[in-house]
Amino acid sequence: MRRRTTEVEDLLRLHAPQVLGALVRRYGHFGAAEDAVQEALLAAARQWPDEGLPENPRGWLIKVASRRLMDQLRADEARRRREEDAARLAPRDAFTAPPPGENRAPADDDTLTLLFLCCRPELTAAAQVALTLRAVGGLTTAEIARAHLVPEATMAQRISRAKAKIKGAPFRQPGPGDRDARLAVVLQVLYLIFNEGYTATSGAALHRADLAREAIRLTRSVRRLLPREGPVTGLLALMLLTEARSAARTGPHGELIPLDEQDRALWDRQAIDEGTALVEEALSQGPPGAYQLQAAIAALHDEADAPDSTDWPQILALYDVLVRRAPEPMAELGRAVAHAMVHGPRAGLRELAALEDGLKGHYRLEAVRAHLLERAGDTDLARAAYQLAAQGTLSRPEAHYLRTRAARLAP
């Protein structure tokens, strides 16, 4: 039964953006349509595991969601004119399921259009993430709230405010003038979702597999629509190569295991092979940007049979290019680590000193400093840095790991 439920959940998330796109194209009313689709998804989640899949799952969802949407419109007297327009424009067979083998849903894949809508620049990053997970990912408000460790009411308000802000926004992709900038925002939102899943910023769990998997699924959808876009291919490769290590990142009690101590036999070789092939493809799709370069770095880590065989000079060379083309504090921090692995911990500490302004007070800076100080033999300073880093993170597994490292250095 659990396997059947999982299969239904995967099917619902696959169809969710298509069903929402069909309703928005036909009736408008993004907010009301999104609510109706959520109700249809919940109805399917309750019925399909027990009753079996309908002959045309997407047609079933469109039928149910359309009925729910029209019920909502009829209940709102202030929207009576819009309801009449929608009813007049709807085809006569809008509320009947198509016969087996017939697919009345629009031929266009609306996933990318929905992503552009959910990632409009007037929304905050938190609102973009929440709306994307609900409207495109098909997650319920409760699921999104649990993933971000906030009350469901708080997440519901966040999503409601986001929908209100984009009310009336056209349901179409951006024009050529701002298309690249808008796509960059979409990819950044997907990367934020993945990062929160791979390394949770707070709470008891280090890894939230549902969020990481959803980010990969959505990025696959974007790549299917934009197969020749280097940043899209690079982002998917980066996610796969990073997530491939997830099984080895935690111990039996959820404790963090750093990269150089992981059992590499537990890494997902199939994901590594796919990610590596995508890196090669991404690097051939124009000048490499941040995602392509980060993916190439991840590939070098994953291809090493052991920590000692890691090609650190090549990783440092890639970081040099990355910080020139896309200067960003975390990339510069990664470069400092690579510099230390090539030129020694003292050289790495000198690189860290140059990052104080941009990363002052960030626990990751102190964690790297502690690691390099430990390698350099300055145990007292390393212990203090580990303790400071542990105080700065809200992730319990990370804090436990950092305190454990500090305790090992106690006299």
Protein backbone atom coordinates (compact mmCIF):
# COMPACT_ATOMS: atom_id res chain seq x y z
CA MET A 1 0.00 0.00 0.00
CA ARG A 2 2.83 2.40 0.85
CA ARG A 3 4.43 1.77 -2.56
CA ARG A 4 1.12 2.45 -4.29
CA THR A 5 0.71 5.67 -2.29
CA THR A 6 4.22 6.80 -3.30
CA GLU A 7 3.45 6.09 -6.95
CA VAL A 8 0.27 8.16 -6.68
CA GLU A 9 2.17 11.04 -5.05
CA ASP A 10 4.77 11.01 -7.85
CA LEU A 11 2.01 10.98 -10.48
CA LEU A 12 0.18 13.87 -8.83
CA ARG A 13 3.31 16.02 -8.70
CA LEU A 14 3.97 15.25 -12.35
CA HIS A 15 0.50 16.40 -13.39
CA ALA A 16 0.05 19.30 -10.94
CA PRO A 17 1.57 22.07 -13.13
CA GLN A 18 -0.25 20.76 -16.22
CA VAL A 19 -3.61 20.82 -14.47
CA LEU A 20 -3.00 24.27 -13.03
CA GLY A 21 -1.85 25.57 -16.41
CA ALA A 22 -4.98 24.19 -18.07
CA LEU A 23 -7.24 25.97 -15.57
CA VAL A 24 -5.37 29.28 -15.66
CA ARG A 25 -5.34 29.32 -19.44
CA ARG A 26 -9.07 28.57 -19.57
CA TYR A 27 -10.41 30.65 -16.70
CA GLY A 28 -7.67 32.94 -15.36
CA HIS A 29 -7.92 33.48 -11.57
CA PHE A 30 -4.49 32.05 -10.66
CA GLY A 31 -5.16 32.11 -6.91
CA ALA A 32 -8.57 30.45 -7.10
CA ALA A 33 -7.37 27.99 -9.74
CA GLU A 34 -4.40 27.00 -7.57
CA ASP A 35 -6.69 26.37 -4.60
CA ALA A 36 -8.97 24.25 -6.80
CA VAL A 37 -6.05 22.19 -8.07
CA GLN A 38 -4.89 21.56 -4.50
CA GLU A 39 -8.37 20.27 -3.61
CA ALA A 40 -8.33 17.99 -6.65
CA LEU A 41 -4.87 16.67 -5.71
CA LEU A 42 -6.03 15.95 -2.17
CA ALA A 43 -9.13 14.16 -3.48
CA ALA A 44 -6.96 12.03 -5.76
CA ALA A 45 -4.52 11.26 -2.94
CA ARG A 46 -7.43 9.94 -0.87
CA GLN A 47 -9.20 7.96 -3.61
CA TRP A 48 -6.60 6.60 -6.01
CA PRO A 49 -4.57 4.39 -3.64
CA ASP A 50 -7.77 2.48 -2.70
CA GLU A 51 -9.84 2.71 -5.91
CA GLY A 52 -7.03 2.55 -8.45
CA LEU A 53 -5.91 5.05 -11.06
CA PRO A 54 -8.48 6.47 -13.49
CA GLU A 55 -7.97 5.74 -17.18
CA ASN A 56 -6.87 9.34 -17.76
CA PRO A 57 -5.40 10.75 -14.51
CA ARG A 58 -4.77 14.24 -15.89
CA GLY A 59 -8.26 14.44 -17.39
CA TRP A 60 -9.71 13.35 -14.03
CA LEU A 61 -7.77 16.07 -12.20
CA ILE A 62 -8.77 18.75 -14.70
CA LYS A 63 -12.42 17.70 -14.41
CA VAL A 64 -12.45 17.76 -10.60
CA ALA A 65 -10.40 20.97 -10.31
CA SER A 66 -12.63 22.71 -12.88
CA ARG A 67 -15.71 21.79 -10.88
CA ARG A 68 -14.13 23.04 -7.66
CA LEU A 69 -13.06 26.28 -9.35
CA MET A 70 -16.53 26.92 -10.73
CA ASP A 71 -18.02 26.22 -7.30
CA GLN A 72 -15.71 28.83 -5.83
CA LEU A 73 -16.63 31.37 -8.49
CA ARG A 74 -20.35 30.79 -8.04
CA ALA A 75 -19.99 31.28 -4.28
CA ASP A 76 -18.48 34.73 -4.77
CA GLU A 77 -21.17 37.19 -5.86
CA ALA A 78 -18.58 39.89 -6.54
CA ARG A 79 -17.14 37.71 -9.29
CA ARG A 80 -20.45 36.81 -10.95
CA ARG A 81 -19.50 38.54 -14.20
CA ARG A 82 -16.18 36.73 -14.39
CA GLU A 83 -17.98 33.45 -13.67
CA GLU A 84 -20.38 34.03 -16.53
CA ASP A 85 -17.50 34.87 -18.87
CA ALA A 86 -15.65 31.73 -17.83
CA ALA A 87 -18.75 29.55 -18.25
CA ARG A 88 -19.46 31.05 -21.67
CA LEU A 89 -15.89 30.49 -22.86
CA ALA A 90 -15.57 26.95 -21.54
CA PRO A 91 -16.13 24.17 -24.10
CA ARG A 92 -19.37 22.21 -23.66
CA ASP A 93 -17.46 19.08 -22.69
CA ALA A 94 -15.20 20.83 -20.18
CA PHE A 95 -16.58 18.89 -17.26
CA THR A 96 -16.54 15.40 -18.72
CA ALA A 97 -13.51 13.18 -18.63
CA PRO A 98 -12.09 12.48 -22.07
CA PRO A 99 -12.43 8.92 -23.37
CA PRO A 100 -9.53 6.49 -22.88
CA GLY A 101 -6.51 7.38 -24.97
CA GLU A 102 -7.68 10.95 -25.60
CA ASN A 103 -5.84 13.81 -23.92
CA ARG A 104 -7.74 17.06 -23.96
CA ALA A 105 -5.14 18.92 -21.86
CA PRO A 106 -3.19 21.60 -23.72
CA ALA A 107 -0.24 20.35 -25.72
CA ASP A 108 2.06 23.01 -24.27
CA ASP A 109 3.90 22.21 -21.06
CA ASP A 110 3.03 25.02 -18.65
CA THR A 111 5.68 24.13 -16.07
CA LEU A 112 8.10 26.86 -17.16
CA THR A 113 5.36 29.48 -17.48
CA LEU A 114 4.19 28.67 -13.95
CA LEU A 115 7.75 28.87 -12.63
CA PHE A 116 8.19 32.31 -14.16
CA LEU A 117 4.90 33.37 -12.56
CA CYS A 118 5.82 32.01 -9.11
CA CYS A 119 9.29 33.61 -9.28
CA ARG A 120 8.25 37.11 -10.25
CA PRO A 121 10.72 39.73 -8.99
CA GLU A 122 8.19 41.53 -6.78
CA LEU A 123 8.10 38.49 -4.47
CA THR A 124 10.63 37.79 -1.75
CA ALA A 125 12.83 34.72 -2.09
CA ALA A 126 10.90 32.98 0.71
CA ALA A 127 7.60 33.67 -1.05
CA GLN A 128 8.99 32.48 -4.39
CA VAL A 129 10.10 29.20 -2.83
CA ALA A 130 6.78 28.61 -1.04
CA LEU A 131 4.63 29.43 -4.07
CA THR A 132 6.80 27.30 -6.37
CA LEU A 133 6.55 24.28 -4.08
CA ARG A 134 2.77 24.63 -3.86
CA ALA A 135 1.77 25.65 -7.38
CA VAL A 136 4.39 23.77 -9.42
CA GLY A 137 5.50 21.08 -6.99
CA GLY A 138 2.02 20.18 -5.86
CA LEU A 139 2.95 20.12 -2.16
CA THR A 140 0.30 21.03 0.37
CA THR A 141 0.69 24.03 2.64
CA ALA A 142 1.18 21.65 5.57
CA GLU A 143 4.00 19.81 3.77
CA ILE A 144 5.77 23.07 2.90
CA ALA A 145 5.39 24.34 6.47
CA ARG A 146 6.88 21.12 7.88
CA ALA A 147 9.80 21.33 5.47
CA HIS A 148 10.59 24.87 6.63
CA LEU A 149 9.81 24.22 10.33
CA VAL A 150 7.17 26.94 10.58
CA PRO A 151 3.51 26.73 11.65
CA GLU A 152 1.06 25.88 8.88
CA ALA A 153 -0.83 29.14 9.50
CA THR A 154 2.37 31.13 8.94
CA MET A 155 3.06 29.36 5.65
CA ALA A 156 -0.56 29.79 4.56
CA GLN A 157 -0.28 33.54 5.11
CA ARG A 158 2.99 33.65 3.17
CA ILE A 159 1.45 31.84 0.21
CA SER A 160 -1.72 33.94 0.36
CA ARG A 161 0.26 37.19 0.31
CA ALA A 162 2.35 35.90 -2.60
CA LYS A 163 -0.73 35.05 -4.63
CA ALA A 164 -2.22 38.46 -3.88
CA LYS A 165 0.95 40.19 -5.12
CA ILE A 166 0.88 38.45 -8.49
CA LYS A 167 -2.88 38.72 -8.95
CA GLY A 168 -3.52 39.92 -12.47
CA ALA A 169 -0.02 39.10 -13.70
CA PRO A 170 -0.15 37.78 -17.28
CA PHE A 171 0.11 34.02 -17.69
CA ARG A 172 2.89 34.02 -20.23
CA GLN A 173 6.63 33.70 -20.39
CA PRO A 174 8.76 36.86 -20.25
CA GLY A 175 9.84 38.55 -23.46
CA PRO A 176 13.35 38.36 -24.91
CA GLY A 177 14.42 41.54 -23.09
CA ASP A 178 14.19 40.12 -19.56
CA ARG A 179 13.93 36.40 -20.24
CA ASP A 180 17.51 35.54 -19.19
CA ALA A 181 17.25 37.55 -15.96
CA ARG A 182 13.92 35.93 -15.09
CA LEU A 183 15.27 32.44 -15.86
CA ALA A 184 18.19 33.14 -13.53
CA VAL A 185 15.69 33.86 -10.73
CA VAL A 186 13.85 30.60 -11.44
CA LEU A 187 17.09 28.63 -11.26
CA GLN A 188 18.11 30.41 -8.06
CA VAL A 189 14.79 29.48 -6.44
CA LEU A 190 15.22 25.83 -7.46
CA TYR A 191 18.77 25.90 -6.07
CA LEU A 192 17.50 27.39 -2.79
CA ILE A 193 14.96 24.57 -2.50
CA PHE A 194 17.66 21.98 -3.16
CA ASN A 195 20.13 23.50 -0.70
CA GLU A 196 17.50 23.59 2.05
CA GLY A 197 16.81 19.93 1.37
CA TYR A 198 20.43 18.83 1.17
CA THR A 199 21.63 20.76 4.22
CA ALA A 200 18.75 22.01 6.32
CA THR A 201 19.49 25.40 7.87
CA SER A 202 17.74 24.50 11.12
CA GLY A 203 16.16 21.64 13.02
CA ALA A 204 17.07 18.10 14.00
CA ALA A 205 17.55 16.64 10.53
CA LEU A 206 20.57 17.35 8.36
CA HIS A 207 18.91 16.18 5.15
CA ARG A 208 15.32 16.74 3.97
CA ALA A 209 15.15 14.29 1.11
CA ASP A 210 11.67 15.36 -0.01
CA LEU A 211 12.82 18.91 -0.75
CA ALA A 212 16.02 17.79 -2.47
CA ARG A 213 14.11 15.32 -4.65
CA GLU A 214 11.48 17.91 -5.52
CA ALA A 215 14.13 20.41 -6.58
CA ILE A 216 15.73 17.79 -8.83
CA ARG A 217 12.35 16.85 -10.32
CA LEU A 218 11.48 20.45 -11.10
CA THR A 219 14.91 21.12 -12.58
CA ARG A 220 14.50 18.05 -14.79
CA SER A 221 11.22 19.52 -15.99
CA VAL A 222 12.90 22.82 -16.87
CA ARG A 223 15.71 21.05 -18.69
CA ARG A 224 13.21 19.01 -20.69
CA LEU A 225 11.80 22.31 -21.95
CA LEU A 226 15.19 24.08 -22.29
CA PRO A 227 17.63 21.28 -23.17
CA ARG A 228 20.29 23.55 -24.69
CA GLU A 229 20.57 26.05 -21.82
CA GLY A 230 23.97 25.61 -20.14
CA PRO A 231 22.91 26.99 -16.73
CA VAL A 232 19.90 24.65 -16.60
CA THR A 233 21.97 21.60 -17.54
CA GLY A 234 24.69 22.68 -15.11
CA LEU A 235 22.24 23.12 -12.23
CA LEU A 236 20.74 19.67 -12.76
CA ALA A 237 24.23 18.16 -12.89
CA LEU A 238 25.21 19.98 -9.69
CA MET A 239 22.13 18.71 -7.86
CA LEU A 240 22.64 15.11 -8.97
CA LEU A 241 26.34 15.05 -8.14
CA THR A 242 25.71 16.58 -4.72
CA GLU A 243 22.69 14.47 -3.81
CA ALA A 244 24.61 11.34 -4.88
CA ARG A 245 26.58 11.56 -1.60
CA SER A 246 23.53 11.89 0.66
CA ALA A 247 23.47 8.27 1.88
CA ALA A 248 27.00 8.63 3.28
CA ARG A 249 26.59 12.06 4.91
CA THR A 250 25.01 10.90 8.14
CA GLY A 251 25.70 8.12 10.61
CA PRO A 252 23.21 5.73 12.25
CA HIS A 253 22.06 8.42 14.70
CA GLY A 254 21.81 11.23 12.17
CA GLU A 255 25.26 12.62 12.96
CA LEU A 256 27.10 14.53 10.25
CA ILE A 257 29.97 12.77 8.44
CA PRO A 258 32.31 15.14 6.56
CA LEU A 259 33.23 14.48 2.94
CA ASP A 260 36.73 13.14 3.62
CA GLU A 261 35.40 10.58 6.13
CA GLN A 262 32.45 9.25 4.10
CA ASP A 263 32.13 5.66 2.91
CA ARG A 264 32.27 6.27 -0.83
CA ALA A 265 30.82 2.85 -1.54
CA LEU A 266 27.50 4.32 -0.39
CA TRP A 267 27.54 7.05 -3.03
CA ASP A 268 24.99 6.70 -5.82
CA ARG A 269 27.13 5.75 -8.83
CA GLN A 270 24.20 5.99 -11.26
CA ALA A 271 23.54 9.59 -10.24
CA ILE A 272 27.27 10.35 -10.47
CA ASP A 273 27.47 8.92 -13.98
CA GLU A 274 24.44 10.92 -15.09
CA GLY A 275 25.72 14.09 -13.43
CA THR A 276 29.17 13.73 -14.94
CA ALA A 277 27.70 13.31 -18.43
CA LEU A 278 25.56 16.40 -17.87
CA VAL A 279 28.63 18.40 -16.80
CA GLU A 280 30.33 17.60 -20.08
CA GLU A 281 27.19 18.62 -21.93
CA ALA A 282 26.77 21.82 -19.91
CA LEU A 283 30.34 22.91 -20.55
CA SER A 284 29.71 22.58 -24.29
CA GLN A 285 26.64 24.84 -24.13
CA GLY A 286 28.39 28.19 -24.15
CA PRO A 287 30.69 29.99 -21.69
CA PRO A 288 30.46 28.27 -18.29
CA GLY A 289 28.64 30.12 -15.54
CA ALA A 290 28.34 29.49 -11.83
CA TYR A 291 26.25 26.31 -12.01
CA GLN A 292 28.39 24.68 -14.68
CA LEU A 293 31.59 25.44 -12.76
CA GLN A 294 30.20 24.24 -9.43
CA ALA A 295 29.01 21.07 -11.13
CA ALA A 296 32.49 20.49 -12.57
CA ILE A 297 33.94 20.87 -9.07
CA ALA A 298 31.38 18.41 -7.68
CA ALA A 299 32.24 15.93 -10.43
CA LEU A 300 35.93 16.01 -9.47
CA HIS A 301 35.01 15.23 -5.86
CA ASP A 302 32.69 12.39 -6.87
CA GLU A 303 35.16 10.84 -9.32
CA ALA A 304 37.86 10.47 -6.64
CA ASP A 305 38.08 6.94 -5.23
CA ALA A 306 39.51 8.26 -1.95
CA PRO A 307 40.15 11.69 -0.37
CA ASP A 308 43.87 11.47 -1.20
CA SER A 309 43.13 11.01 -4.91
CA THR A 310 41.02 14.16 -5.21
CA ASP A 311 42.36 16.46 -7.92
CA TRP A 312 42.68 19.54 -5.73
CA PRO A 313 44.83 21.57 -8.18
CA GLN A 314 42.09 21.23 -10.81
CA ILE A 315 39.42 22.09 -8.25
CA LEU A 316 41.37 25.21 -7.26
CA ALA A 317 41.69 26.20 -10.92
CA LEU A 318 37.92 25.89 -11.34
CA TYR A 319 37.32 27.93 -8.18
CA ASP A 320 39.63 30.63 -9.54
CA VAL A 321 37.43 30.89 -12.63
CA LEU A 322 34.26 30.74 -10.54
CA VAL A 323 35.13 33.62 -8.21
CA ARG A 324 36.21 35.75 -11.18
CA ARG A 325 33.00 35.19 -13.11
CA ALA A 326 30.53 34.97 -10.22
CA PRO A 327 32.09 36.43 -7.05
CA GLU A 328 30.08 35.22 -4.10
CA PRO A 329 31.13 34.70 -0.44
CA MET A 330 30.48 30.94 -0.31
CA ALA A 331 32.35 30.38 -3.56
CA GLU A 332 35.27 32.35 -2.16
CA LEU A 333 35.13 30.24 1.00
CA GLY A 334 35.26 27.06 -1.10
CA ARG A 335 38.22 28.48 -2.98
CA ALA A 336 40.04 29.12 0.32
CA VAL A 337 39.57 25.45 1.26
CA ALA A 338 40.91 24.32 -2.13
CA HIS A 339 43.83 26.72 -1.77
CA ALA A 340 44.65 25.16 1.60
CA MET A 341 44.50 21.65 0.17
CA VAL A 342 47.00 22.63 -2.53
CA HIS A 343 49.29 25.03 -0.68
CA GLY A 344 48.86 24.04 2.97
CA PRO A 345 46.66 25.16 5.90
CA ARG A 346 48.66 28.32 6.67
CA ALA A 347 48.15 29.54 3.12
CA GLY A 348 44.46 28.76 3.44
CA LEU A 349 44.22 30.76 6.66
CA ARG A 350 45.72 33.76 4.89
CA GLU A 351 43.03 33.42 2.22
CA LEU A 352 40.37 33.30 4.94
CA ALA A 353 41.63 36.56 6.42
CA ALA A 354 40.68 38.30 3.19
CA LEU A 355 37.08 37.09 3.53
CA GLU A 356 36.41 38.55 6.97
CA ASP A 357 34.36 41.51 5.72
CA GLY A 358 32.01 39.49 3.52
CA LEU A 359 31.52 36.57 5.91
CA LYS A 360 32.10 38.11 9.33
CA GLY A 361 30.05 36.28 11.93
CA HIS A 362 29.01 33.43 9.60
CA TYR A 363 29.45 30.06 11.24
CA ARG A 364 30.82 28.46 8.06
CA LEU A 365 33.77 30.86 8.09
CA GLU A 366 34.57 29.83 11.66
CA ALA A 367 34.11 26.15 10.83
CA VAL A 368 36.61 26.33 7.98
CA ARG A 369 38.98 28.36 10.14
CA ALA A 370 38.75 25.71 12.86
CA HIS A 371 39.48 22.91 10.39
CA LEU A 372 42.53 24.69 8.99
CA LEU A 373 43.82 25.63 12.42
CA GLU A 374 43.50 21.99 13.49
CA ARG A 375 45.45 20.87 10.42
CA ALA A 376 48.09 23.49 11.20
CA GLY A 377 48.47 22.16 14.76
CA ASP A 378 46.97 25.19 16.58
CA THR A 379 44.64 23.10 18.73
CA ASP A 380 43.62 25.76 21.24
CA LEU A 381 42.62 28.24 18.54
CA ALA A 382 40.94 25.46 16.56
CA ARG A 383 38.87 24.39 19.57
CA ALA A 384 37.70 27.96 20.17
CA ALA A 385 36.79 28.35 16.49
CA TYR A 386 34.81 25.08 16.48
CA GLN A 387 32.89 26.23 19.55
CA LEU A 388 32.16 29.62 17.98
CA ALA A 389 30.95 27.93 14.79
CA ALA A 390 28.67 25.61 16.79
CA GLN A 391 27.04 28.62 18.43
CA GLY A 392 26.26 30.15 15.05
CA THR A 393 24.32 27.33 13.37
CA LEU A 394 20.65 26.45 13.93
CA SER A 395 21.19 22.93 12.57
CA ARG A 396 21.48 20.48 15.44
CA PRO A 397 23.51 17.87 13.50
CA GLU A 398 26.01 20.53 12.41
CA ALA A 399 26.24 21.97 15.92
CA HIS A 400 26.77 18.49 17.37
CA TYR A 401 29.52 17.74 14.86
CA LEU A 402 31.32 21.03 15.59
CA ARG A 403 31.12 20.55 19.37
CA THR A 404 32.40 17.00 18.99
CA ARG A 405 35.40 18.26 17.01
CA ALA A 406 36.06 20.86 19.69
CA ALA A 407 35.84 18.23 22.46
CA ARG A 408 38.42 16.05 20.69
CA LEU A 409 40.91 18.89 20.96
CA ALA A 410 40.42 19.45 24.70
CA PRO A 411 43.68 19.12 26.69
